């Protein structure tokens, strides 16, 4: 689909350039007709005079040969992508779009022979094409009238009417579905096929308009047309200047870039033939060899020598720019490596000092420069160590809490024992002195501190003696 959009975009540009040529008073050419081809048939296009030259863009597997006053075309394998064919004939620059079609009308000769062999036929065809462009909305010719065909069923007529309505409302997918169904109901009817062809043109026009959204397309198309004209006249320097202008309008344009490469090769061959020696070629070869091995210093030296041998040489200049770009990229890579190593050293230093928080910060910084396994592994180790440390701290905290609780219990027990002993000593003193009333109170007080048999036995003795 992407290739098809590019082909359609190219076709639009050729439409525009053809329009401007005609506006300037030049002979009107064919501009953008579709030529259907297949791998199983030869397709012939005849013109009023012998073509001076022809070329196909993009360069894809079609076979072309000049036969008489025309061009013979044979497609390559099935599903060959569309291509633009340019033909120079009698000061006209005809433009066609070649489309692969599995089943073409061989019997009627409508899709294997395109007869523009006289000025009258050519003029008649151009007028007919203009009329078809104006009638691209729902077809209203007598031959396509649904109600005029006795073989059309009510369902067929309804589908055609629905499709025309959807077409008018620019609901192209719904219109296609209706016309496809109508074609199934009436396979011999021409109207559905005509509608579908018109629909294809509508959809193609939408895709073409997508390629013309920028303001510089008109200028670009005129420049490309002029460059193609110069290429046909083998004026490669003039063509190269125009392609440079095209690239200023559309930086990175694949077609213009490719043509520049082709012109570079042609100019290089021409210059080589004119050169008195092989010095320039030797330097270029040395530069290409060194550049292929990424030996930038040696490649720069070779291309600078080539530029000295041939001033303002395009090939050497572009090669030197490429080398500069690679050197800058290498410097950026080296800077990243240095930053990575510095952050890694800091991380290792903090790690050895068990400063895991700063170590994690440094390792993450190293990863931000270059993602390598080592700092990531160190981060995992730190997380594991921190988890183990947290676990040990939790265990130690629990041990201390248990120890404090045990010490508290022991202290409380010691205090009770001391209170019990003190109360018992007071009671015994009262008992020895015969002060049994106070002795009884003291023994009961001791029993209240710790419930043991001795103070209770003493209380019973006192009670029995009384």
Protein backbone atom coordinates (compact mmCIF):
# COMPACT_ATOMS: atom_id res chain seq x y z
CA UNK A 1 0.00 0.00 0.00
CA UNK A 2 2.83 2.40 0.77
CA UNK A 3 4.37 1.77 -2.66
CA UNK A 4 1.02 2.31 -4.33
CA UNK A 5 0.58 5.67 -2.57
CA UNK A 6 3.99 6.76 -3.81
CA UNK A 7 3.11 5.72 -7.37
CA UNK A 8 -0.16 7.63 -7.24
CA UNK A 9 1.69 10.66 -5.86
CA UNK A 10 4.11 10.53 -8.79
CA UNK A 11 1.20 10.25 -11.20
CA UNK A 12 -0.40 13.42 -9.76
CA UNK A 13 2.84 15.29 -10.26
CA UNK A 14 2.89 14.23 -13.91
CA UNK A 15 -0.72 15.37 -14.28
CA UNK A 16 0.24 18.80 -12.97
CA UNK A 17 3.35 19.13 -15.09
CA UNK A 18 1.37 18.11 -18.20
CA UNK A 19 -1.16 20.84 -17.42
CA UNK A 20 1.52 23.52 -17.21
CA UNK A 21 3.13 22.40 -20.47
CA UNK A 22 -0.17 22.72 -22.27
CA UNK A 23 -0.79 26.10 -20.65
CA UNK A 24 2.51 27.30 -22.07
CA UNK A 25 1.34 26.45 -25.62
CA UNK A 26 3.05 23.09 -26.09
CA UNK A 27 1.39 20.17 -27.87
CA UNK A 28 -1.10 18.43 -25.56
CA UNK A 29 0.12 14.95 -24.49
CA UNK A 30 -1.57 11.99 -22.85
CA UNK A 31 -1.33 12.65 -19.12
CA UNK A 32 -1.87 9.84 -16.66
CA UNK A 33 -3.84 7.15 -18.55
CA UNK A 34 -3.93 3.67 -17.02
CA UNK A 35 -2.28 0.88 -19.04
CA UNK A 36 -3.22 -2.62 -17.85
CA UNK A 37 -0.59 -5.37 -18.25
CA UNK A 38 -0.32 -9.04 -17.37
CA UNK A 39 2.44 -11.62 -17.30
CA UNK A 40 0.64 -13.68 -19.93
CA UNK A 41 0.18 -11.11 -22.72
CA UNK A 42 2.17 -8.44 -24.53
CA UNK A 43 0.66 -4.95 -24.46
CA UNK A 44 1.26 -2.57 -27.36
CA UNK A 45 0.92 1.25 -27.33
CA UNK A 46 1.14 2.93 -30.77
CA UNK A 47 1.76 6.65 -31.37
CA UNK A 48 1.56 8.97 -34.41
CA UNK A 49 5.38 8.99 -34.67
CA UNK A 50 8.32 6.90 -33.52
CA UNK A 51 9.05 7.54 -29.80
CA UNK A 52 12.36 9.27 -29.13
CA UNK A 53 12.75 7.68 -25.72
CA UNK A 54 10.95 6.24 -22.76
CA UNK A 55 11.61 5.50 -19.09
CA UNK A 56 9.79 3.86 -16.19
CA UNK A 57 9.64 5.20 -12.60
CA UNK A 58 10.16 3.47 -10.25
CA UNK A 59 12.51 0.99 -11.92
CA UNK A 60 10.57 -2.26 -11.38
CA UNK A 61 10.42 -5.54 -13.35
CA UNK A 62 8.64 -4.51 -16.57
CA UNK A 63 10.15 -5.33 -19.96
CA UNK A 64 9.91 -2.56 -22.59
CA UNK A 65 10.88 -2.63 -26.24
CA UNK A 66 10.22 -0.29 -29.16
CA UNK A 67 8.18 -1.92 -31.93
CA UNK A 68 7.44 0.22 -34.98
CA UNK A 69 5.88 3.48 -33.83
CA UNK A 70 5.04 2.16 -30.39
CA UNK A 71 6.13 0.61 -27.11
CA UNK A 72 5.68 -3.08 -26.24
CA UNK A 73 5.27 -3.94 -22.52
CA UNK A 74 5.46 -7.27 -20.69
CA UNK A 75 5.02 -7.47 -16.92
CA UNK A 76 7.18 -9.49 -14.57
CA UNK A 77 5.72 -11.81 -11.90
CA UNK A 78 2.17 -11.58 -10.56
CA UNK A 79 1.22 -8.60 -8.38
CA UNK A 80 3.90 -6.38 -9.91
CA UNK A 81 3.51 -2.92 -8.27
CA UNK A 82 2.25 0.05 -10.33
CA UNK A 83 4.78 2.18 -12.20
CA UNK A 84 4.86 5.44 -14.15
CA UNK A 85 5.85 5.25 -17.84
CA UNK A 86 7.16 8.41 -19.56
CA UNK A 87 7.32 8.48 -23.39
CA UNK A 88 8.81 11.30 -25.47
CA UNK A 89 7.20 11.49 -28.90
CA UNK A 90 7.03 14.44 -31.37
CA UNK A 91 7.77 17.06 -28.66
CA UNK A 92 5.10 15.48 -26.47
CA UNK A 93 5.84 13.86 -23.11
CA UNK A 94 3.16 11.25 -22.58
CA UNK A 95 2.57 9.93 -19.07
CA UNK A 96 0.96 6.61 -18.22
CA UNK A 97 0.48 4.60 -15.05
CA UNK A 98 1.09 0.87 -15.57
CA UNK A 99 -1.15 -1.41 -13.48
CA UNK A 100 -0.86 -5.18 -13.25
CA UNK A 101 -4.17 -6.99 -13.86
CA UNK A 102 -4.52 -10.78 -13.74
CA UNK A 103 -7.42 -11.02 -16.20
CA UNK A 104 -7.45 -8.55 -19.08
CA UNK A 105 -9.75 -8.37 -22.09
CA UNK A 106 -7.60 -10.14 -24.66
CA UNK A 107 -10.42 -11.09 -26.97
CA UNK A 108 -11.78 -7.61 -27.60
CA UNK A 109 -8.27 -6.11 -27.73
CA UNK A 110 -9.32 -3.31 -25.36
CA UNK A 111 -6.60 -3.93 -22.80
CA UNK A 112 -3.75 -5.35 -24.89
CA UNK A 113 -3.64 -2.75 -27.69
CA UNK A 114 -3.78 1.01 -27.16
CA UNK A 115 -4.13 2.68 -30.56
CA UNK A 116 -3.02 6.32 -30.69
CA UNK A 117 -1.38 5.80 -34.10
CA UNK A 118 -2.73 8.99 -35.74
CA UNK A 119 -3.10 12.59 -34.62
CA UNK A 120 -6.87 12.22 -34.99
CA UNK A 121 -7.01 9.12 -32.75
CA UNK A 122 -4.76 10.78 -30.21
CA UNK A 123 -6.88 13.95 -30.14
CA UNK A 124 -10.08 11.89 -29.95
CA UNK A 125 -8.69 9.84 -27.04
CA UNK A 126 -7.59 12.97 -25.10
CA UNK A 127 -11.01 14.57 -25.52
CA UNK A 128 -12.69 11.34 -24.40
CA UNK A 129 -10.44 11.12 -21.33
CA UNK A 130 -11.30 14.73 -20.41
CA UNK A 131 -14.99 13.97 -20.74
CA UNK A 132 -14.64 10.89 -18.52
CA UNK A 133 -12.83 12.97 -15.88
CA UNK A 134 -15.73 15.42 -15.83
CA UNK A 135 -18.22 12.56 -15.53
CA UNK A 136 -16.47 10.78 -12.68
CA UNK A 137 -19.57 11.17 -10.45
CA UNK A 138 -22.45 8.61 -10.91
CA UNK A 139 -22.59 7.65 -14.61
CA UNK A 140 -25.69 8.87 -16.44
CA UNK A 141 -25.10 7.67 -20.02
CA UNK A 142 -27.87 5.83 -21.74
CA UNK A 143 -25.77 2.70 -21.83
CA UNK A 144 -25.51 2.70 -18.03
CA UNK A 145 -29.15 3.42 -17.21
CA UNK A 146 -30.42 0.76 -14.84
CA UNK A 147 -34.06 1.02 -15.80
CA UNK A 148 -33.24 0.74 -19.53
CA UNK A 149 -31.87 -2.78 -19.13
CA UNK A 150 -34.62 -5.42 -19.15
CA UNK A 151 -32.28 -7.97 -17.55
CA UNK A 152 -31.84 -5.92 -14.35
CA UNK A 153 -33.79 -7.27 -11.37
CA UNK A 154 -35.46 -5.13 -8.70
CA UNK A 155 -32.67 -6.05 -6.26
CA UNK A 156 -30.03 -5.11 -8.83
CA UNK A 157 -31.72 -1.74 -9.50
CA UNK A 158 -32.00 -1.02 -5.75
CA UNK A 159 -28.33 -1.81 -5.23
CA UNK A 160 -27.31 0.45 -8.12
CA UNK A 161 -29.51 3.27 -6.80
CA UNK A 162 -28.09 2.83 -3.28
CA UNK A 163 -24.54 2.78 -4.64
CA UNK A 164 -25.11 6.00 -6.64
CA UNK A 165 -26.50 7.67 -3.52
CA UNK A 166 -23.52 6.58 -1.40
CA UNK A 167 -21.16 7.69 -4.18
CA UNK A 168 -22.78 11.12 -4.26
CA UNK A 169 -22.45 11.40 -0.49
CA UNK A 170 -18.77 10.30 -0.78
CA UNK A 171 -19.38 7.14 1.26
CA UNK A 172 -17.08 5.24 -1.04
CA UNK A 173 -16.72 2.00 0.92
CA UNK A 174 -20.51 1.61 1.21
CA UNK A 175 -20.87 2.46 -2.50
CA UNK A 176 -18.28 -0.20 -3.40
CA UNK A 177 -20.16 -2.81 -1.37
CA UNK A 178 -23.42 -2.00 -3.24
CA UNK A 179 -21.78 -2.06 -6.68
CA UNK A 180 -19.98 -5.34 -5.87
CA UNK A 181 -23.32 -6.94 -4.94
CA UNK A 182 -24.95 -5.51 -8.06
CA UNK A 183 -22.14 -6.96 -10.17
CA UNK A 184 -22.81 -10.40 -8.63
CA UNK A 185 -26.50 -10.10 -9.53
CA UNK A 186 -25.76 -8.81 -13.04
CA UNK A 187 -22.29 -10.11 -14.04
CA UNK A 188 -22.92 -9.18 -17.70
CA UNK A 189 -24.02 -5.64 -16.91
CA UNK A 190 -21.52 -2.89 -17.74
CA UNK A 191 -22.91 -0.33 -15.28
CA UNK A 192 -21.55 -1.88 -12.04
CA UNK A 193 -18.13 -2.27 -13.62
CA UNK A 194 -18.19 1.36 -14.77
CA UNK A 195 -19.23 2.51 -11.31
CA UNK A 196 -16.45 0.46 -9.69
CA UNK A 197 -13.89 1.91 -12.11
CA UNK A 198 -15.14 5.42 -11.33
CA UNK A 199 -14.96 4.58 -7.65
CA UNK A 200 -11.35 3.46 -8.05
CA UNK A 201 -10.58 6.84 -9.60
CA UNK A 202 -12.30 8.59 -6.68
CA UNK A 203 -10.33 6.57 -4.14
CA UNK A 204 -7.16 7.13 -6.13
CA UNK A 205 -7.91 10.86 -6.19
CA UNK A 206 -8.21 10.84 -2.40
CA UNK A 207 -4.84 9.14 -2.11
CA UNK A 208 -3.40 11.59 -4.62
CA UNK A 209 -4.68 14.56 -2.64
CA UNK A 210 -2.89 13.16 0.42
CA UNK A 211 0.38 13.50 -1.51
CA UNK A 212 -0.39 17.13 -2.38
CA UNK A 213 -0.92 18.59 1.08
CA UNK A 214 2.23 20.72 1.08
CA UNK A 215 2.39 24.09 -0.60
CA UNK A 216 5.45 23.34 -2.73
CA UNK A 217 4.03 20.44 -4.79
CA UNK A 218 3.34 22.51 -7.92
CA UNK A 219 6.87 23.84 -8.01
CA UNK A 220 8.24 20.37 -7.28
CA UNK A 221 6.31 18.79 -10.18
CA UNK A 222 7.49 21.45 -12.63
CA UNK A 223 11.09 21.01 -11.50
CA UNK A 224 10.89 17.21 -11.82
CA UNK A 225 9.33 17.52 -15.28
CA UNK A 226 12.15 19.83 -16.36
CA UNK A 227 14.76 17.48 -14.91
CA UNK A 228 13.25 14.52 -16.79
CA UNK A 229 13.37 16.60 -19.97
CA UNK A 230 17.06 17.37 -19.43
CA UNK A 231 17.77 13.71 -18.65
CA UNK A 232 16.23 12.76 -21.99
CA UNK A 233 18.56 15.26 -23.69
CA UNK A 234 21.53 13.89 -21.68
CA UNK A 235 22.07 17.31 -20.10
CA UNK A 236 22.99 15.81 -16.76
CA UNK A 237 24.40 18.96 -15.17
CA UNK A 238 21.19 20.90 -15.77
CA UNK A 239 19.12 17.92 -14.57
CA UNK A 240 21.25 17.66 -11.44
CA UNK A 241 20.67 21.33 -10.60
CA UNK A 242 16.92 20.85 -10.91
CA UNK A 243 16.99 17.72 -8.73
CA UNK A 244 18.92 19.73 -6.13
CA UNK A 245 16.14 22.33 -6.22
CA UNK A 246 13.60 19.52 -5.80
CA UNK A 247 15.48 18.28 -2.74
CA UNK A 248 15.40 21.77 -1.21
CA UNK A 249 11.61 21.61 -1.55
CA UNK A 250 11.41 18.02 -0.33
CA UNK A 251 14.50 17.07 1.68
CA UNK A 252 15.13 13.34 1.53
CA UNK A 253 12.81 12.77 -1.46
CA UNK A 254 13.53 9.20 -2.60
CA UNK A 255 12.98 9.78 -6.33
CA UNK A 256 15.12 12.93 -6.56
CA UNK A 257 17.81 11.35 -4.36
CA UNK A 258 17.89 8.24 -6.54
CA UNK A 259 18.13 10.34 -9.70
CA UNK A 260 20.96 12.33 -8.10
CA UNK A 261 22.77 9.06 -7.44
CA UNK A 262 22.25 8.01 -11.05
CA UNK A 263 23.54 11.39 -12.29
CA UNK A 264 26.51 11.16 -9.91
CA UNK A 265 27.45 7.84 -11.49
CA UNK A 266 27.01 9.23 -14.99
CA UNK A 267 29.05 12.34 -14.22
CA UNK A 268 31.70 10.22 -12.53
CA UNK A 269 31.99 8.04 -15.61
CA UNK A 270 32.19 11.11 -17.86
CA UNK A 271 34.83 12.75 -15.70
CA UNK A 272 36.81 9.52 -15.58
CA UNK A 273 36.87 9.40 -19.36
CA UNK A 274 38.08 12.99 -19.55
CA UNK A 275 40.61 12.68 -16.75
CA UNK A 276 44.24 12.41 -17.84
CA UNK A 277 45.15 9.97 -15.11
CA UNK A 278 43.75 7.60 -12.52
CA UNK A 279 44.79 9.65 -9.48
CA UNK A 280 41.25 10.76 -8.61
CA UNK A 281 39.85 7.25 -9.08
CA UNK A 282 42.59 5.78 -6.89
CA UNK A 283 41.79 8.19 -4.06
CA UNK A 284 38.07 7.50 -4.34
CA UNK A 285 38.70 3.73 -4.29
CA UNK A 286 40.98 4.09 -1.24
CA UNK A 287 38.34 6.20 0.49
CA UNK A 288 35.55 3.73 -0.25
CA UNK A 289 37.67 0.83 0.97
CA UNK A 290 38.64 2.58 4.20
CA UNK A 291 35.09 3.81 4.77
CA UNK A 292 33.80 0.27 4.28
CA UNK A 293 36.08 -0.84 7.12
CA UNK A 294 35.05 2.21 9.19
CA UNK A 295 38.64 3.49 9.12
CA UNK A 296 37.52 7.10 9.27
CA UNK A 297 40.93 8.76 9.52
CA UNK A 298 42.27 6.95 6.44
CA UNK A 299 39.00 7.50 4.54
CA UNK A 300 39.06 11.25 5.28
CA UNK A 301 42.63 11.56 4.04
CA UNK A 302 41.79 9.73 0.78
CA UNK A 303 38.65 11.76 0.04
CA UNK A 304 40.47 15.04 0.81
CA UNK A 305 43.12 14.01 -1.71
CA UNK A 306 40.35 13.22 -4.22
CA UNK A 307 38.83 16.64 -3.59
CA UNK A 308 42.20 18.25 -4.19
CA UNK A 309 42.48 16.39 -7.49
CA UNK A 310 38.97 17.41 -8.55
CA UNK A 311 37.73 20.63 -7.00
CA UNK A 312 34.14 20.70 -5.64
CA UNK A 313 33.63 17.03 -6.48
CA UNK A 314 30.15 15.96 -5.34
CA UNK A 315 31.13 12.37 -4.49
CA UNK A 316 34.10 13.31 -2.33
CA UNK A 317 32.20 16.17 -0.68
CA UNK A 318 29.29 13.92 0.30
CA UNK A 319 31.69 11.22 1.49
CA UNK A 320 33.51 13.74 3.69
CA UNK A 321 30.18 14.86 5.14
CA UNK A 322 29.31 11.22 5.86
CA UNK A 323 32.69 10.77 7.57
CA UNK A 324 32.06 13.92 9.67
CA UNK A 325 28.67 12.55 10.69
CA UNK A 326 30.21 9.23 11.71
CA UNK A 327 33.00 11.00 13.63
CA UNK A 328 30.43 13.09 15.50
CA UNK A 329 28.44 9.97 16.29
CA UNK A 330 31.61 8.27 17.50
CA UNK A 331 32.39 11.24 19.76
CA UNK A 332 28.88 11.11 21.20
CA UNK A 333 29.29 7.38 21.78
CA UNK A 334 32.64 7.93 23.49
CA UNK A 335 31.10 10.63 25.70
CA UNK A 336 28.36 8.24 26.74
CA UNK A 337 30.95 5.56 27.47
CA UNK A 338 32.98 7.96 29.62
CA UNK A 339 29.91 9.11 31.55
CA UNK A 340 28.86 5.50 32.00
CA UNK A 341 32.28 4.48 33.35
CA UNK A 342 32.42 7.47 35.72
CA UNK A 343 28.98 6.71 37.16
CA UNK A 344 29.93 3.02 37.43
CA UNK A 345 33.11 3.81 39.37
CA UNK A 346 31.12 5.96 41.81
CA UNK A 347 28.59 3.18 42.24
CA UNK A 348 31.28 0.58 42.96
CA UNK A 349 32.97 2.93 45.47
CA UNK A 350 29.71 3.48 47.37
CA UNK A 351 28.97 -0.24 47.18
CA UNK A 352 32.30 -1.20 48.76
CA UNK A 353 31.61 1.34 51.54
CA UNK A 354 28.17 -0.27 52.10
CA UNK A 355 26.57 3.09 51.24
CA UNK A 356 23.82 1.37 49.31
CA UNK A 357 21.57 4.42 48.88
CA UNK A 358 24.21 6.43 47.00
CA UNK A 359 25.37 3.27 45.23
CA UNK A 360 21.85 2.78 43.81
CA UNK A 361 21.76 6.40 42.64
CA UNK A 362 25.10 6.03 40.84
CA UNK A 363 24.18 2.69 39.20
CA UNK A 364 20.86 4.11 37.94
CA UNK A 365 22.76 7.07 36.50
CA UNK A 366 25.10 4.67 34.66
CA UNK A 367 22.08 2.86 33.20
CA UNK A 368 20.67 6.18 31.95
CA UNK A 369 23.80 6.56 29.78
CA UNK A 370 24.16 2.98 28.53
CA UNK A 371 21.99 0.03 29.44
CA UNK A 372 24.32 -2.83 30.35
CA UNK A 373 23.82 -5.87 32.60
CA UNK A 374 26.42 -5.09 35.29
CA UNK A 375 24.78 -2.03 36.96
CA UNK A 376 21.42 -3.77 36.80
CA UNK A 377 22.92 -6.83 38.53
CA UNK A 378 24.44 -4.57 41.19
CA UNK A 379 21.07 -2.98 41.85
CA UNK A 380 19.59 -6.45 42.38
CA UNK A 381 22.39 -7.30 44.81
CA UNK A 382 21.81 -4.05 46.72
CA UNK A 383 18.09 -4.74 46.96
CA UNK A 384 18.85 -8.24 48.27
CA UNK A 385 21.37 -6.92 50.82
CA UNK A 386 18.95 -4.23 51.98
CA UNK A 387 16.21 -6.82 52.38
CA UNK A 388 18.54 -9.07 54.40
CA UNK A 389 19.66 -6.09 56.51
CA UNK A 390 16.06 -5.09 57.16
CA UNK A 391 15.24 -8.67 58.15
CA UNK A 392 18.19 -8.79 60.60
CA UNK A 393 17.21 -5.44 62.08
CA UNK A 394 13.66 -6.66 62.60
CA UNK A 395 14.91 -9.83 64.34
CA UNK A 396 17.27 -7.80 66.56
CA UNK A 397 14.49 -5.37 67.40
CA UNK A 398 12.23 -8.25 68.41
CA UNK A 399 15.03 -9.82 70.53
CA UNK A 400 15.59 -6.55 72.38
CA UNK A 401 11.87 -6.17 73.01
CA UNK A 402 11.71 -9.71 74.44
CA UNK A 403 14.77 -9.06 76.63
CA UNK A 404 13.25 -5.85 77.99
CA UNK A 405 10.02 -7.67 78.75
CA UNK A 406 11.94 -10.44 80.55
CA UNK A 407 13.96 -7.91 82.55
CA UNK A 408 10.76 -6.16 83.54
CA UNK A 409 9.18 -9.40 84.75
CA UNK A 410 12.32 -10.28 86.67
CA UNK A 411 12.46 -6.86 88.25
CA UNK A 412 8.81 -7.04 89.26
CA UNK A 413 9.33 -10.52 90.71
CA UNK A 414 12.37 -9.33 92.69
CA UNK A 415 10.36 -6.42 94.05
CA UNK A 416 7.54 -8.76 95.13
CA UNK A 417 10.01 -11.05 96.86
CA UNK A 418 11.53 -8.10 98.66
CA UNK A 419 8.11 -6.80 99.77
CA UNK A 420 7.13 -10.31 100.88
CA UNK A 421 10.34 -10.77 102.85
CA UNK A 422 10.01 -7.34 104.50
CA UNK A 423 6.37 -8.01 105.51
CA UNK A 424 7.29 -11.46 106.83
CA UNK A 425 10.15 -10.08 108.89
CA UNK A 426 7.85 -7.50 110.51
CA UNK A 427 5.28 -10.23 111.25
CA UNK A 428 7.92 -12.54 112.81
CA UNK A 429 9.15 -9.74 115.07
CA UNK A 430 5.61 -9.10 116.31
CA UNK A 431 5.11 -12.84 116.82
CA UNK A 432 8.31 -13.19 118.89
CA UNK A 433 7.29 -10.26 121.06
CA UNK A 434 3.89 -11.84 121.62
CA UNK A 435 2.09 -9.04 119.83
CA UNK A 436 -0.14 -11.51 118.00
CA UNK A 437 -2.68 -8.95 116.75
CA UNK A 438 -0.06 -6.99 114.79
CA UNK A 439 1.69 -10.22 113.85
CA UNK A 440 -1.54 -11.52 112.30
CA UNK A 441 -1.94 -8.31 110.28
CA UNK A 442 1.64 -8.48 109.11
CA UNK A 443 1.33 -12.18 108.10
CA UNK A 444 -1.87 -11.43 106.14
CA UNK A 445 -0.06 -8.52 104.46
CA UNK A 446 2.80 -10.87 103.45
CA UNK A 447 0.28 -13.42 102.13
CA UNK A 448 -1.28 -10.64 100.05
CA UNK A 449 2.08 -9.97 98.40
CA UNK A 450 2.89 -13.64 97.63
CA UNK A 451 0.45 -16.39 98.43
CA UNK A 452 2.64 -18.91 100.28
CA UNK A 453 1.84 -21.42 103.07
CA UNK A 454 4.11 -20.03 105.85
CA UNK A 455 2.28 -16.77 106.66
CA UNK A 456 -1.07 -18.60 106.48
CA UNK A 457 0.21 -21.27 108.93
CA UNK A 458 1.37 -18.53 111.32
CA UNK A 459 -2.04 -16.90 111.22
CA UNK A 460 -3.66 -20.27 112.12
CA UNK A 461 -1.25 -20.70 115.09
CA UNK A 462 -2.19 -17.26 116.37
CA UNK A 463 -5.89 -17.99 116.00
CA UNK A 464 -5.60 -21.39 117.74
CA UNK A 465 -3.65 -19.94 120.71
CA UNK A 466 -6.34 -17.38 121.27
